[in-house]
Amino acid sequence: MPFNFAPAIVIDATLYTLLVFSLITWTLILFKIWQFAKNNHYNKKYNQAFWNAADLKAAEQIPAELARGPKARVAACGFAWLAEMKQSKFPKSLKFHGSPQELLEQRLRKQTQEEQRHTESGLTMLASIGSTAPFVGLFGTVMGIMHAMHDISTSGSASLDVVAGPIGDALVATAIGIAVAVPAVLAYNFFGRRAKHQRIALEHFVDGFLHIAFGDKAEQE
């Protein structure tokens, strides 16, 4: 294997890999900023409309322009289940076997998990980039130093002027790897916390929905 060419190719591949990592990181950051801002806006508007409704039937008829976002989809899932249970010709089937409140809660929790899965999409990629980018950069540095040492040995000169330049260039890969990793790690921690807050808000909404749904039933009975 021609040692003079292979390390240069590996170093270039390392830098291009880090460039791709950086593009993915900033694309995900911008997307997650937009996603969380949109979800928070929709959740706030729907939450206000839902709790200002006179009863559950009125809440089900909230206009479509307000019924958007994770909370609206969770509520729509609950409304669909209640309608299906009411209209079912086989109320004693396994699908409806058990306490109605527990079955509805199970359906709502499942939808909540689905919403959380969408919210957390991309976070694994940020975590992976944040943990691997420094090592990719370090690998490029090691290959760069090996290449520099080979050139120095070939030239037969080991003066500081000859050594400092190639070694300094090789260390650039490590610096780039760290520069790529830092935003990815910070973004992962920030969006992970935001996702946790959204999950807690959805769980509180589910608890309120269950209370209203079966509170209305108890009043009607």
C-alpha atoms as a PDB file:
ATOM      1  CA  MET A   1       0.000   0.000   0.000  1.00  0.00           C
ATOM      2  CA  PRO A   2       1.492   3.386  -0.950  1.00  0.00           C
ATOM      3  CA  PHE A   3       1.836   5.020   2.480  1.00  0.00           C
ATOM      4  CA  ASN A   4       2.267   8.475   0.945  1.00  0.00           C
ATOM      5  CA  PHE A   5      -1.274   8.531  -0.426  1.00  0.00           C
ATOM      6  CA  ALA A   6      -3.451   6.374   1.875  1.00  0.00           C
ATOM      7  CA  PRO A   7      -3.164   8.590   4.996  1.00  0.00           C
ATOM      8  CA  ALA A   8      -4.045  11.709   3.007  1.00  0.00           C
ATOM      9  CA  ILE A   9      -7.141   9.990   1.667  1.00  0.00           C
ATOM     10  CA  VAL A  10      -8.138   8.885   5.172  1.00  0.00           C
ATOM     11  CA  ILE A  11      -7.606  12.380   6.578  1.00  0.00           C
ATOM     12  CA  ASP A  12      -9.734  13.932   3.836  1.00  0.00           C
ATOM     13  CA  ALA A  13     -12.435  11.306   4.413  1.00  0.00           C
ATOM     14  CA  THR A  14     -12.364  12.118   8.132  1.00  0.00           C
ATOM     15  CA  LEU A  15     -12.821  15.833   7.509  1.00  0.00           C
ATOM     16  CA  TYR A  16     -15.655  15.227   5.056  1.00  0.00           C
ATOM     17  CA  THR A  17     -17.290  12.906   7.591  1.00  0.00           C
ATOM     18  CA  LEU A  18     -17.116  15.645  10.213  1.00  0.00           C
ATOM     19  CA  LEU A  19     -18.565  18.091   7.701  1.00  0.00           C
ATOM     20  CA  VAL A  20     -21.513  15.740   7.126  1.00  0.00           C
ATOM     21  CA  PHE A  21     -21.927  15.372  10.897  1.00  0.00           C
ATOM     22  CA  SER A  22     -22.015  19.150  11.251  1.00  0.00           C
ATOM     23  CA  LEU A  23     -24.630  19.545   8.503  1.00  0.00           C
ATOM     24  CA  ILE A  24     -26.809  16.850  10.085  1.00  0.00           C
ATOM     25  CA  THR A  25     -26.445  18.445  13.522  1.00  0.00           C
ATOM     26  CA  TRP A  26     -27.484  21.938  12.450  1.00  0.00           C
ATOM     27  CA  THR A  27     -30.287  20.595  10.262  1.00  0.00           C
ATOM     28  CA  LEU A  28     -31.674  18.686  13.238  1.00  0.00           C
ATOM     29  CA  ILE A  29     -31.252  21.688  15.528  1.00  0.00           C
ATOM     30  CA  LEU A  30     -33.212  23.954  13.201  1.00  0.00           C
ATOM     31  CA  PHE A  31     -35.885  21.289  12.661  1.00  0.00           C
ATOM     32  CA  LYS A  32     -36.304  20.611  16.382  1.00  0.00           C
ATOM     33  CA  ILE A  33     -36.547  24.353  17.129  1.00  0.00           C
ATOM     34  CA  TRP A  34     -39.352  24.609  14.567  1.00  0.00           C
ATOM     35  CA  GLN A  35     -41.041  21.429  15.802  1.00  0.00           C
ATOM     36  CA  PHE A  36     -41.073  22.429  19.476  1.00  0.00           C
ATOM     37  CA  ALA A  37     -42.183  25.986  18.703  1.00  0.00           C
ATOM     38  CA  LYS A  38     -45.042  24.660  16.552  1.00  0.00           C
ATOM     39  CA  ASN A  39     -46.122  22.061  19.128  1.00  0.00           C
ATOM     40  CA  ASN A  40     -46.033  24.573  21.977  1.00  0.00           C
ATOM     41  CA  HIS A  41     -48.114  27.039  19.959  1.00  0.00           C
ATOM     42  CA  TYR A  42     -50.725  24.452  19.002  1.00  0.00           C
ATOM     43  CA  ASN A  43     -50.837  22.901  22.483  1.00  0.00           C
ATOM     44  CA  LYS A  44     -51.359  26.278  24.129  1.00  0.00           C
ATOM     45  CA  LYS A  45     -54.239  27.217  21.827  1.00  0.00           C
ATOM     46  CA  TYR A  46     -55.941  23.809  22.046  1.00  0.00           C
ATOM     47  CA  ASN A  47     -55.474  23.541  25.808  1.00  0.00           C
ATOM     48  CA  GLN A  48     -57.202  26.901  26.276  1.00  0.00           C
ATOM     49  CA  ALA A  49     -60.057  25.977  23.939  1.00  0.00           C
ATOM     50  CA  PHE A  50     -60.485  22.539  25.533  1.00  0.00           C
ATOM     51  CA  TRP A  51     -60.731  23.741  29.122  1.00  0.00           C
ATOM     52  CA  ASN A  52     -62.964  26.660  28.166  1.00  0.00           C
ATOM     53  CA  ALA A  53     -65.492  24.248  26.613  1.00  0.00           C
ATOM     54  CA  ALA A  54     -68.744  23.735  28.505  1.00  0.00           C
ATOM     55  CA  ASP A  55     -68.504  19.930  28.482  1.00  0.00           C
ATOM     56  CA  LEU A  56     -66.786  17.045  26.709  1.00  0.00           C
ATOM     57  CA  LYS A  57     -69.206  17.168  23.783  1.00  0.00           C
ATOM     58  CA  ALA A  58     -68.432  20.842  23.241  1.00  0.00           C
ATOM     59  CA  ALA A  59     -64.717  20.094  23.506  1.00  0.00           C
ATOM     60  CA  GLU A  60     -65.098  17.482  20.774  1.00  0.00           C
ATOM     61  CA  GLN A  61     -66.489  20.171  18.462  1.00  0.00           C
ATOM     62  CA  ILE A  62     -63.540  22.557  18.796  1.00  0.00           C
ATOM     63  CA  PRO A  63     -62.856  24.114  15.354  1.00  0.00           C
ATOM     64  CA  ALA A  64     -60.246  22.413  13.184  1.00  0.00           C
ATOM     65  CA  GLU A  65     -57.987  25.469  13.162  1.00  0.00           C
ATOM     66  CA  LEU A  66     -57.587  25.097  16.934  1.00  0.00           C
ATOM     67  CA  ALA A  67     -57.581  21.286  17.080  1.00  0.00           C
ATOM     68  CA  ARG A  68     -53.976  20.810  16.037  1.00  0.00           C
ATOM     69  CA  GLY A  69     -50.877  19.612  17.829  1.00  0.00           C
ATOM     70  CA  PRO A  70     -50.050  16.706  20.193  1.00  0.00           C
ATOM     71  CA  LYS A  71     -52.765  17.461  22.752  1.00  0.00           C
ATOM     72  CA  ALA A  72     -55.406  17.730  20.045  1.00  0.00           C
ATOM     73  CA  ARG A  73     -54.367  14.372  18.591  1.00  0.00           C
ATOM     74  CA  VAL A  74     -54.457  12.743  22.029  1.00  0.00           C
ATOM     75  CA  ALA A  75     -57.923  14.171  22.639  1.00  0.00           C
ATOM     76  CA  ALA A  76     -59.100  13.054  19.178  1.00  0.00           C
ATOM     77  CA  CYS A  77     -57.909   9.549  20.014  1.00  0.00           C
ATOM     78  CA  GLY A  78     -59.949   9.640  23.230  1.00  0.00           C
ATOM     79  CA  PHE A  79     -63.059  10.952  21.465  1.00  0.00           C
ATOM     80  CA  ALA A  80     -62.741   8.242  18.796  1.00  0.00           C
ATOM     81  CA  TRP A  81     -62.464   5.516  21.422  1.00  0.00           C
ATOM     82  CA  LEU A  82     -65.500   6.779  23.349  1.00  0.00           C
ATOM     83  CA  ALA A  83     -67.567   6.913  20.153  1.00  0.00           C
ATOM     84  CA  GLU A  84     -66.412   3.451  19.124  1.00  0.00           C
ATOM     85  CA  MET A  85     -67.295   1.971  22.506  1.00  0.00           C
ATOM     86  CA  LYS A  86     -70.715   3.646  22.441  1.00  0.00           C
ATOM     87  CA  GLN A  87     -71.552   2.478  18.920  1.00  0.00           C
ATOM     88  CA  SER A  88     -70.002  -0.989  19.117  1.00  0.00           C
ATOM     89  CA  LYS A  89     -72.366  -3.921  18.511  1.00  0.00           C
ATOM     90  CA  PHE A  90     -70.036  -6.200  20.455  1.00  0.00           C
ATOM     91  CA  PRO A  91     -69.432  -4.409  23.750  1.00  0.00           C
ATOM     92  CA  LYS A  92     -68.361  -7.670  25.414  1.00  0.00           C
ATOM     93  CA  SER A  93     -65.625  -8.452  22.903  1.00  0.00           C
ATOM     94  CA  LEU A  94     -62.040  -8.709  24.111  1.00  0.00           C
ATOM     95  CA  LYS A  95     -61.359  -5.240  22.733  1.00  0.00           C
ATOM     96  CA  PHE A  96     -63.711  -3.755  25.333  1.00  0.00           C
ATOM     97  CA  HIS A  97     -63.024  -6.290  28.078  1.00  0.00           C
ATOM     98  CA  GLY A  98     -62.174  -4.485  31.295  1.00  0.00           C
ATOM     99  CA  SER A  99     -62.917  -1.216  32.994  1.00  0.00           C
ATOM    100  CA  PRO A 100     -63.854   1.495  30.451  1.00  0.00           C
ATOM    101  CA  GLN A 101     -61.725   4.008  32.291  1.00  0.00           C
ATOM    102  CA  GLU A 102     -58.690   1.707  32.215  1.00  0.00           C
ATOM    103  CA  LEU A 103     -59.221   0.908  28.546  1.00  0.00           C
ATOM    104  CA  LEU A 104     -59.534   4.573  27.639  1.00  0.00           C
ATOM    105  CA  GLU A 105     -56.453   5.378  29.689  1.00  0.00           C
ATOM    106  CA  GLN A 106     -54.523   2.658  27.885  1.00  0.00           C
ATOM    107  CA  ARG A 107     -55.562   4.100  24.515  1.00  0.00           C
ATOM    108  CA  LEU A 108     -54.600   7.637  25.553  1.00  0.00           C
ATOM    109  CA  ARG A 109     -51.247   6.527  26.984  1.00  0.00           C
ATOM    110  CA  LYS A 110     -50.481   4.721  23.752  1.00  0.00           C
ATOM    111  CA  GLN A 111     -51.180   7.864  21.734  1.00  0.00           C
ATOM    112  CA  THR A 112     -49.073   9.851  24.193  1.00  0.00           C
ATOM    113  CA  GLN A 113     -46.171   7.473  23.606  1.00  0.00           C
ATOM    114  CA  GLU A 114     -46.608   7.892  19.856  1.00  0.00           C
ATOM    115  CA  GLU A 115     -46.492  11.669  20.212  1.00  0.00           C
ATOM    116  CA  GLN A 116     -43.410  11.374  22.402  1.00  0.00           C
ATOM    117  CA  ARG A 117     -41.725   9.165  19.816  1.00  0.00           C
ATOM    118  CA  HIS A 118     -42.234  11.873  17.184  1.00  0.00           C
ATOM    119  CA  THR A 119     -40.992  14.536  19.580  1.00  0.00           C
ATOM    120  CA  GLU A 120     -37.804  12.603  20.388  1.00  0.00           C
ATOM    121  CA  SER A 121     -37.050  11.733  16.768  1.00  0.00           C
ATOM    122  CA  GLY A 122     -33.571  12.914  15.834  1.00  0.00           C
ATOM    123  CA  LEU A 123     -32.277  13.084  19.409  1.00  0.00           C
ATOM    124  CA  THR A 124     -30.534   9.728  19.095  1.00  0.00           C
ATOM    125  CA  MET A 125     -28.670  11.039  16.059  1.00  0.00           C
ATOM    126  CA  LEU A 126     -27.565  14.131  18.008  1.00  0.00           C
ATOM    127  CA  ALA A 127     -26.354  11.958  20.868  1.00  0.00           C
ATOM    128  CA  SER A 128     -24.462   9.674  18.487  1.00  0.00           C
ATOM    129  CA  ILE A 129     -22.770  12.586  16.722  1.00  0.00           C
ATOM    130  CA  GLY A 130     -21.886  14.222  20.035  1.00  0.00           C
ATOM    131  CA  SER A 131     -20.223  11.050  21.314  1.00  0.00           C
ATOM    132  CA  THR A 132     -18.433   9.950  18.127  1.00  0.00           C
ATOM    133  CA  ALA A 133     -17.305  13.228  16.479  1.00  0.00           C
ATOM    134  CA  PRO A 134     -14.323  13.771  18.840  1.00  0.00           C
ATOM    135  CA  PHE A 135     -13.089  10.245  18.167  1.00  0.00           C
ATOM    136  CA  VAL A 136     -13.464  10.705  14.420  1.00  0.00           C
ATOM    137  CA  GLY A 137     -11.424  13.894  14.704  1.00  0.00           C
ATOM    138  CA  LEU A 138      -8.839  12.142  16.876  1.00  0.00           C
ATOM    139  CA  PHE A 139      -8.551   9.376  14.297  1.00  0.00           C
ATOM    140  CA  GLY A 140      -7.849  11.995  11.616  1.00  0.00           C
ATOM    141  CA  THR A 141      -5.227  13.579  13.863  1.00  0.00           C
ATOM    142  CA  VAL A 142      -3.459  10.257  14.434  1.00  0.00           C
ATOM    143  CA  MET A 143      -3.390   9.548  10.726  1.00  0.00           C
ATOM    144  CA  GLY A 144      -2.159  13.092  10.065  1.00  0.00           C
ATOM    145  CA  ILE A 145       0.661  12.722  12.579  1.00  0.00           C
ATOM    146  CA  MET A 146       1.655   9.388  11.068  1.00  0.00           C
ATOM    147  CA  HIS A 147       1.719  10.983   7.643  1.00  0.00           C
ATOM    148  CA  ALA A 148       3.737  13.958   8.937  1.00  0.00           C
ATOM    149  CA  MET A 149       6.232  11.689  10.691  1.00  0.00           C
ATOM    150  CA  HIS A 150       6.717   9.689   7.512  1.00  0.00           C
ATOM    151  CA  ASP A 151       7.375  12.870   5.506  1.00  0.00           C
ATOM    152  CA  ILE A 152       9.803  14.119   8.157  1.00  0.00           C
ATOM    153  CA  SER A 153      11.702  10.848   8.183  1.00  0.00           C
ATOM    154  CA  THR A 154      11.847  10.898   4.396  1.00  0.00           C
ATOM    155  CA  SER A 155      13.221  14.452   4.335  1.00  0.00           C
ATOM    156  CA  GLY A 156      15.837  13.588   6.932  1.00  0.00           C
ATOM    157  CA  SER A 157      15.275  16.819   8.881  1.00  0.00           C
ATOM    158  CA  ALA A 158      13.720  16.956  12.360  1.00  0.00           C
ATOM    159  CA  SER A 159      14.009  20.671  13.107  1.00  0.00           C
ATOM    160  CA  LEU A 160      11.140  22.505  14.839  1.00  0.00           C
ATOM    161  CA  ASP A 161      10.217  24.345  11.659  1.00  0.00           C
ATOM    162  CA  VAL A 162       9.810  21.076   9.804  1.00  0.00           C
ATOM    163  CA  VAL A 163       7.899  19.272  12.588  1.00  0.00           C
ATOM    164  CA  ALA A 164       5.587  22.039  13.861  1.00  0.00           C
ATOM    165  CA  GLY A 165       3.723  22.696  10.617  1.00  0.00           C
ATOM    166  CA  PRO A 166       2.572  19.134   9.776  1.00  0.00           C
ATOM    167  CA  ILE A 167       1.759  18.305  13.430  1.00  0.00           C
ATOM    168  CA  GLY A 168      -0.263  21.511  13.773  1.00  0.00           C
ATOM    169  CA  ASP A 169      -2.193  20.697  10.628  1.00  0.00           C
ATOM    170  CA  ALA A 170      -2.908  17.205  11.945  1.00  0.00           C
ATOM    171  CA  LEU A 171      -4.368  18.595  15.190  1.00  0.00           C
ATOM    172  CA  VAL A 172      -6.965  20.542  13.199  1.00  0.00           C
ATOM    173  CA  ALA A 173      -8.997  17.339  12.777  1.00  0.00           C
ATOM    174  CA  THR A 174      -9.355  16.955  16.551  1.00  0.00           C
ATOM    175  CA  ALA A 175     -10.375  20.590  16.907  1.00  0.00           C
ATOM    176  CA  ILE A 176     -13.018  20.181  14.211  1.00  0.00           C
ATOM    177  CA  GLY A 177     -14.303  17.004  15.864  1.00  0.00           C
ATOM    178  CA  ILE A 178     -14.758  18.843  19.175  1.00  0.00           C
ATOM    179  CA  ALA A 179     -16.381  21.807  17.411  1.00  0.00           C
ATOM    180  CA  VAL A 180     -18.900  19.422  15.819  1.00  0.00           C
ATOM    181  CA  ALA A 181     -19.562  17.509  19.044  1.00  0.00           C
ATOM    182  CA  VAL A 182     -20.240  20.468  21.347  1.00  0.00           C
ATOM    183  CA  PRO A 183     -23.388  21.792  19.556  1.00  0.00           C
ATOM    184  CA  ALA A 184     -24.696  18.246  19.180  1.00  0.00           C
ATOM    185  CA  VAL A 185     -24.344  17.494  22.897  1.00  0.00           C
ATOM    186  CA  LEU A 186     -25.813  20.838  23.962  1.00  0.00           C
ATOM    187  CA  ALA A 187     -28.740  20.425  21.556  1.00  0.00           C
ATOM    188  CA  TYR A 188     -29.376  16.862  22.743  1.00  0.00           C
ATOM    189  CA  ASN A 189     -29.539  17.948  26.390  1.00  0.00           C
ATOM    190  CA  PHE A 190     -31.714  20.977  25.627  1.00  0.00           C
ATOM    191  CA  PHE A 191     -34.226  19.188  23.405  1.00  0.00           C
ATOM    192  CA  GLY A 192     -34.257  16.148  25.677  1.00  0.00           C
ATOM    193  CA  ARG A 193     -35.382  18.388  28.525  1.00  0.00           C
ATOM    194  CA  ARG A 194     -38.006  20.038  26.345  1.00  0.00           C
ATOM    195  CA  ALA A 195     -39.292  16.609  25.280  1.00  0.00           C
ATOM    196  CA  LYS A 196     -39.555  15.593  28.927  1.00  0.00           C
ATOM    197  CA  HIS A 197     -41.596  18.702  29.720  1.00  0.00           C
ATOM    198  CA  GLN A 198     -43.921  17.973  26.799  1.00  0.00           C
ATOM    199  CA  ARG A 199     -44.390  14.386  27.953  1.00  0.00           C
ATOM    200  CA  ILE A 200     -45.322  15.556  31.460  1.00  0.00           C
ATOM    201  CA  ALA A 201     -47.773  18.077  29.996  1.00  0.00           C
ATOM    202  CA  LEU A 202     -49.404  15.370  27.869  1.00  0.00           C
ATOM    203  CA  GLU A 203     -49.671  13.041  30.870  1.00  0.00           C
ATOM    204  CA  HIS A 204     -51.394  15.773  32.881  1.00  0.00           C
ATOM    205  CA  PHE A 205     -53.745  16.386  29.956  1.00  0.00           C
ATOM    206  CA  VAL A 206     -54.588  12.666  29.808  1.00  0.00           C
ATOM    207  CA  ASP A 207     -55.363  12.667  33.542  1.00  0.00           C
ATOM    208  CA  GLY A 208     -57.662  15.655  33.065  1.00  0.00           C
ATOM    209  CA  PHE A 209     -59.348  14.092  30.039  1.00  0.00           C
ATOM    210  CA  LEU A 210     -60.073  10.900  31.986  1.00  0.00           C
ATOM    211  CA  HIS A 211     -61.470  12.866  34.907  1.00  0.00           C
ATOM    212  CA  ILE A 212     -63.756  14.905  32.638  1.00  0.00           C
ATOM    213  CA  ALA A 213     -64.859  11.903  30.552  1.00  0.00           C
ATOM    214  CA  PHE A 214     -65.921   9.727  33.467  1.00  0.00           C
ATOM    215  CA  GLY A 215     -66.978  12.654  35.616  1.00  0.00           C
ATOM    216  CA  ASP A 216     -69.517  13.564  32.909  1.00  0.00           C
ATOM    217  CA  LYS A 217     -70.688   9.942  32.789  1.00  0.00           C
ATOM    218  CA  ALA A 218     -71.160   9.828  36.549  1.00  0.00           C
ATOM    219  CA  GLU A 219     -73.200  13.050  36.452  1.00  0.00           C
ATOM    220  CA  GLN A 220     -75.393  11.716  33.644  1.00  0.00           C
ATOM    221  CA  GLU A 221     -76.048   8.486  35.564  1.00  0.00           C
END
